[in-house]
PDB file of N, CA and C in Angstrom:
ATOM      1  N   MET A   1      97.801  85.526  85.150  1.00  0.00           N
ATOM      2  CA  MET A   1      98.736  86.559  85.553  1.00  0.00           C
ATOM      3  C   MET A   1      98.224  87.895  85.040  1.00  0.00           C
ATOM      4  N   LYS A   2      98.135  88.864  85.943  1.00  0.00           N
ATOM      5  CA  LYS A   2      97.676  90.195  85.563  1.00  0.00           C
ATOM      6  C   LYS A   2      98.863  91.037  85.108  1.00  0.00           C
ATOM      7  N   GLU A   3      98.675  91.765  84.035  1.00  0.00           N
ATOM      8  CA  GLU A   3      99.719  92.651  83.518  1.00  0.00           C
ATOM      9  C   GLU A   3      99.195  94.072  83.460  1.00  0.00           C
ATOM     10  N   ILE A   4     100.073  95.023  83.751  1.00  0.00           N
ATOM     11  CA  ILE A   4      99.745  96.437  83.595  1.00  0.00           C
ATOM     12  C   ILE A   4     100.920  97.124  82.904  1.00  0.00           C
ATOM     13  N   ILE A   5     100.653  98.246  82.300  1.00  0.00           N
ATOM     14  CA  ILE A   5     101.693  99.036  81.645  1.00  0.00           C
ATOM     15  C   ILE A   5     102.163 100.110  82.624  1.00  0.00           C
ATOM     16  N   LYS A   6     103.469 100.228  82.802  1.00  0.00           N
ATOM     17  CA  LYS A   6     104.075 101.242  83.660  1.00  0.00           C
ATOM     18  C   LYS A   6     105.148 101.963  82.864  1.00  0.00           C
ATOM     19  N   LYS A   7     105.409 103.200  83.235  1.00  0.00           N
ATOM     20  CA  LYS A   7     106.500 103.954  82.625  1.00  0.00           C
ATOM     21  C   LYS A   7     107.702 103.939  83.558  1.00  0.00           C
ATOM     22  N   VAL A   8     108.885 103.905  82.986  1.00  0.00           N
ATOM     23  CA  VAL A   8     110.120 103.965  83.749  1.00  0.00           C
ATOM     24  C   VAL A   8     110.516 105.431  83.861  1.00  0.00           C
ATOM     25  N   SER A   9     110.784 105.880  85.096  1.00  0.00           N
ATOM     26  CA  SER A   9     111.279 107.238  85.325  1.00  0.00           C
ATOM     27  C   SER A   9     112.797 107.192  85.355  1.00  0.00           C
ATOM     28  N   PHE A  10     113.426 108.202  84.801  1.00  0.00           N
ATOM     29  CA  PHE A  10     114.879 108.298  84.820  1.00  0.00           C
ATOM     30  C   PHE A  10     115.242 109.565  85.579  1.00  0.00           C
ATOM     31  N   ASN A  11     115.825 109.376  86.783  1.00  0.00           N
ATOM     32  CA  ASN A  11     116.198 110.499  87.631  1.00  0.00           C
ATOM     33  C   ASN A  11     117.683 110.773  87.499  1.00  0.00           C
ATOM     34  N   LYS A  12     118.013 112.058  87.323  1.00  0.00           N
ATOM     35  CA  LYS A  12     119.401 112.457  87.157  1.00  0.00           C
ATOM     36  C   LYS A  12     119.929 112.974  88.490  1.00  0.00           C
ATOM     37  N   SER A  13     121.085 112.463  88.905  1.00  0.00           N
ATOM     38  CA  SER A  13     121.690 112.908  90.157  1.00  0.00           C
ATOM     39  C   SER A  13     122.505 114.167  89.922  1.00  0.00           C
ATOM     40  N   GLY A  14     122.977 114.749  91.013  1.00  0.00           N
ATOM     41  CA  GLY A  14     123.793 115.961  90.915  1.00  0.00           C
ATOM     42  C   GLY A  14     125.113 115.731  90.210  1.00  0.00           C
ATOM     43  N   THR A  15     125.584 114.485  90.207  1.00  0.00           N
ATOM     44  CA  THR A  15     126.857 114.180  89.548  1.00  0.00           C
ATOM     45  C   THR A  15     126.666 113.734  88.103  1.00  0.00           C
ATOM     46  N   GLY A  16     125.413 113.705  87.640  1.00  0.00           N
ATOM     47  CA  GLY A  16     125.147 113.351  86.256  1.00  0.00           C
ATOM     48  C   GLY A  16     124.751 111.906  86.030  1.00  0.00           C
ATOM     49  N   GLY A  17     124.784 111.089  87.078  1.00  0.00           N
ATOM     50  CA  GLY A  17     124.366 109.697  86.949  1.00  0.00           C
ATOM     51  C   GLY A  17     122.859 109.598  86.780  1.00  0.00           C
ATOM     52  N   ILE A  18     122.406 108.586  86.093  1.00  0.00           N
ATOM     53  CA  ILE A  18     120.977 108.407  85.853  1.00  0.00           C
ATOM     54  C   ILE A  18     120.519 107.110  86.519  1.00  0.00           C
ATOM     55  N   THR A  19     119.426 107.203  87.281  1.00  0.00           N
ATOM     56  CA  THR A  19     118.863 106.055  87.980  1.00  0.00           C
ATOM     57  C   THR A  19     117.455 105.785  87.468  1.00  0.00           C
ATOM     58  N   PRO A  20     117.209 104.609  86.887  1.00  0.00           N
ATOM     59  CA  PRO A  20     115.853 104.274  86.455  1.00  0.00           C
ATOM     60  C   PRO A  20     115.020 103.804  87.643  1.00  0.00           C
ATOM     61  N   LYS A  21     113.726 104.146  87.658  1.00  0.00           N
ATOM     62  CA  LYS A  21     112.816 103.735  88.728  1.00  0.00           C
ATOM     63  C   LYS A  21     111.467 103.352  88.145  1.00  0.00           C
ATOM     64  N   ILE A  22     110.835 102.359  88.775  1.00  0.00           N
ATOM     65  CA  ILE A  22     109.483 101.938  88.398  1.00  0.00           C
ATOM     66  C   ILE A  22     108.662 101.856  89.678  1.00  0.00           C
ATOM     67  N   ASN A  23     107.494 102.473  89.693  1.00  0.00           N
ATOM     68  CA  ASN A  23     106.583 102.353  90.830  1.00  0.00           C
ATOM     69  C   ASN A  23     105.818 101.046  90.711  1.00  0.00           C
ATOM     70  N   LEU A  24     105.814 100.279  91.807  1.00  0.00           N
ATOM     71  CA  LEU A  24     105.144  98.990  91.813  1.00  0.00           C
ATOM     72  C   LEU A  24     103.751  99.110  92.416  1.00  0.00           C
ATOM     73  N   VAL A  25     102.901  98.167  92.099  1.00  0.00           N
ATOM     74  CA  VAL A  25     101.525  98.152  92.597  1.00  0.00           C
ATOM     75  C   VAL A  25     101.545  97.714  94.063  1.00  0.00           C
ATOM     76  N   ASN A  26     101.053  98.577  94.956  1.00  0.00           N
ATOM     77  CA  ASN A  26     101.069  98.303  96.390  1.00  0.00           C
ATOM     78  C   ASN A  26     100.308  97.020  96.727  1.00  0.00           C
ATOM     79  N   GLU A  27      99.197  96.779  96.066  1.00  0.00           N
ATOM     80  CA  GLU A  27      98.403  95.571  96.306  1.00  0.00           C
ATOM     81  C   GLU A  27      99.235  94.314  96.048  1.00  0.00           C
ATOM     82  N   TRP A  28     100.043  94.334  95.000  1.00  0.00           N
ATOM     83  CA  TRP A  28     100.879  93.183  94.677  1.00  0.00           C
ATOM     84  C   TRP A  28     101.947  92.982  95.750  1.00  0.00           C
ATOM     85  N   LEU A  29     102.576  94.071  96.180  1.00  0.00           N
ATOM     86  CA  LEU A  29     103.606  93.966  97.219  1.00  0.00           C
ATOM     87  C   LEU A  29     103.011  93.453  98.521  1.00  0.00           C
ATOM     88  N   SER A  30     101.847  93.952  98.882  1.00  0.00           N
ATOM     89  CA  SER A  30     101.175  93.482 100.093  1.00  0.00           C
ATOM     90  C   SER A  30     100.885  91.996  99.990  1.00  0.00           C
ATOM     91  N   ASP A  31     100.411  91.545  98.840  1.00  0.00           N
ATOM     92  CA  ASP A  31     100.116  90.134  98.624  1.00  0.00           C
ATOM     93  C   ASP A  31     101.380  89.277  98.760  1.00  0.00           C
ATOM     94  N   MET A  32     102.525  89.827  98.378  1.00  0.00           N
ATOM     95  CA  MET A  32     103.803  89.123  98.480  1.00  0.00           C
ATOM     96  C   MET A  32     104.358  89.140  99.902  1.00  0.00           C
ATOM     97  N   GLY A  33     103.779  89.984 100.771  1.00  0.00           N
ATOM     98  CA  GLY A  33     104.290  90.108 102.136  1.00  0.00           C
ATOM     99  C   GLY A  33     105.394  91.132 102.264  1.00  0.00           C
ATOM    100  N   VAL A  34     105.540  91.993 101.274  1.00  0.00           N
ATOM    101  CA  VAL A  34     106.534  93.069 101.331  1.00  0.00           C
ATOM    102  C   VAL A  34     105.874  94.262 102.021  1.00  0.00           C
ATOM    103  N   ASN A  35     106.541  94.766 103.082  1.00  0.00           N
ATOM    104  CA  ASN A  35     106.009  95.907 103.833  1.00  0.00           C
ATOM    105  C   ASN A  35     107.161  96.677 104.472  1.00  0.00           C
ATOM    106  N   ASP A  36     106.848  97.617 105.376  1.00  0.00           N
ATOM    107  CA  ASP A  36     107.892  98.432 106.010  1.00  0.00           C
ATOM    108  C   ASP A  36     108.894  97.601 106.799  1.00  0.00           C
ATOM    109  N   ASN A  37     108.451  96.477 107.357  1.00  0.00           N
ATOM    110  CA  ASN A  37     109.347  95.638 108.155  1.00  0.00           C
ATOM    111  C   ASN A  37     110.028  94.556 107.334  1.00  0.00           C
ATOM    112  N   GLU A  38     109.414  94.130 106.260  1.00  0.00           N
ATOM    113  CA  GLU A  38     109.948  93.083 105.368  1.00  0.00           C
ATOM    114  C   GLU A  38     110.141  93.689 103.985  1.00  0.00           C
ATOM    115  N   LYS A  39     111.256  94.379 103.791  1.00  0.00           N
ATOM    116  CA  LYS A  39     111.462  95.178 102.575  1.00  0.00           C
ATOM    117  C   LYS A  39     112.275  94.493 101.479  1.00  0.00           C
ATOM    118  N   GLU A  40     112.982  93.435 101.805  1.00  0.00           N
ATOM    119  CA  GLU A  40     113.921  92.869 100.843  1.00  0.00           C
ATOM    120  C   GLU A  40     113.235  92.026  99.778  1.00  0.00           C
ATOM    121  N   VAL A  41     113.632  92.271  98.538  1.00  0.00           N
ATOM    122  CA  VAL A  41     113.180  91.481  97.403  1.00  0.00           C
ATOM    123  C   VAL A  41     114.407  91.052  96.605  1.00  0.00           C
ATOM    124  N   VAL A  42     114.224  90.046  95.795  1.00  0.00           N
ATOM    125  CA  VAL A  42     115.291  89.553  94.921  1.00  0.00           C
ATOM    126  C   VAL A  42     114.878  89.853  93.487  1.00  0.00           C
ATOM    127  N   LEU A  43     115.745  90.515  92.745  1.00  0.00           N
ATOM    128  CA  LEU A  43     115.501  90.815  91.338  1.00  0.00           C
ATOM    129  C   LEU A  43     116.339  89.878  90.483  1.00  0.00           C
ATOM    130  N   SER A  44     115.757  89.352  89.438  1.00  0.00           N
ATOM    131  CA  SER A  44     116.518  88.559  88.478  1.00  0.00           C
ATOM    132  C   SER A  44     116.117  88.992  87.074  1.00  0.00           C
ATOM    133  N   TYR A  45     117.076  88.893  86.180  1.00  0.00           N
ATOM    134  CA  TYR A  45     116.861  89.324  84.795  1.00  0.00           C
ATOM    135  C   TYR A  45     117.144  88.163  83.857  1.00  0.00           C
ATOM    136  N   ASN A  46     116.172  87.856  83.020  1.00  0.00           N
ATOM    137  CA  ASN A  46     116.328  86.823  82.003  1.00  0.00           C
ATOM    138  C   ASN A  46     116.678  87.525  80.694  1.00  0.00           C
ATOM    139  N   LYS A  47     117.944  87.489  80.350  1.00  0.00           N
ATOM    140  CA  LYS A  47     118.430  88.203  79.162  1.00  0.00           C
ATOM    141  C   LYS A  47     117.824  87.649  77.875  1.00  0.00           C
ATOM    142  N   GLU A  48     117.621  86.347  77.844  1.00  0.00           N
ATOM    143  CA  GLU A  48     117.076  85.714  76.644  1.00  0.00           C
ATOM    144  C   GLU A  48     115.647  86.188  76.365  1.00  0.00           C
ATOM    145  N   ASN A  49     114.806  86.247  77.427  1.00  0.00           N
ATOM    146  CA  ASN A  49     113.406  86.655  77.272  1.00  0.00           C
ATOM    147  C   ASN A  49     113.171  88.135  77.518  1.00  0.00           C
ATOM    148  N   LYS A  50     114.224  88.851  77.956  1.00  0.00           N
ATOM    149  CA  LYS A  50     114.118  90.281  78.280  1.00  0.00           C
ATOM    150  C   LYS A  50     113.055  90.514  79.346  1.00  0.00           C
ATOM    151  N   GLU A  51     113.107  89.736  80.449  1.00  0.00           N
ATOM    152  CA  GLU A  51     112.125  89.830  81.535  1.00  0.00           C
ATOM    153  C   GLU A  51     112.833  90.054  82.867  1.00  0.00           C
ATOM    154  N   ILE A  52     112.213  90.881  83.696  1.00  0.00           N
ATOM    155  CA  ILE A  52     112.674  91.101  85.063  1.00  0.00           C
ATOM    156  C   ILE A  52     111.685  90.418  85.990  1.00  0.00           C
ATOM    157  N   LEU A  53     112.195  89.643  86.935  1.00  0.00           N
ATOM    158  CA  LEU A  53     111.363  88.929  87.912  1.00  0.00           C
ATOM    159  C   LEU A  53     111.676  89.478  89.294  1.00  0.00           C
ATOM    160  N   ILE A  54     110.639  89.736  90.089  1.00  0.00           N
ATOM    161  CA  ILE A  54     110.789  90.219  91.461  1.00  0.00           C
ATOM    162  C   ILE A  54     110.180  89.174  92.385  1.00  0.00           C
ATOM    163  N   LYS A  55     110.977  88.707  93.369  1.00  0.00           N
ATOM    164  CA  LYS A  55     110.506  87.745  94.365  1.00  0.00           C
ATOM    165  C   LYS A  55     110.856  88.270  95.756  1.00  0.00           C
ATOM    166  N   LYS A  56     110.015  87.937  96.732  1.00  0.00           N
ATOM    167  CA  LYS A  56     110.335  88.299  98.115  1.00  0.00           C
ATOM    168  C   LYS A  56     111.479  87.427  98.589  1.00  0.00           C
ATOM    169  N   LYS A  57     112.408  88.026  99.330  1.00  0.00           N
ATOM    170  CA  LYS A  57     113.544  87.278  99.857  1.00  0.00           C
ATOM    171  C   LYS A  57     113.108  86.392 101.001  1.00  0.00           C
TER     172      LYS A  57
END
């Protein structure tokens, strides 16, 4: 499994809400079959291990 370090961006909305964002590696998304026509992914969070998992729907 390949790992890379990414920074989380925190964008502030006009109403003061904050939205975290992470840019994903395009090569990985392409390999998963995620593209303009197939955009849906499933996110899951393992609280015990503090891990986020992304899978194609």
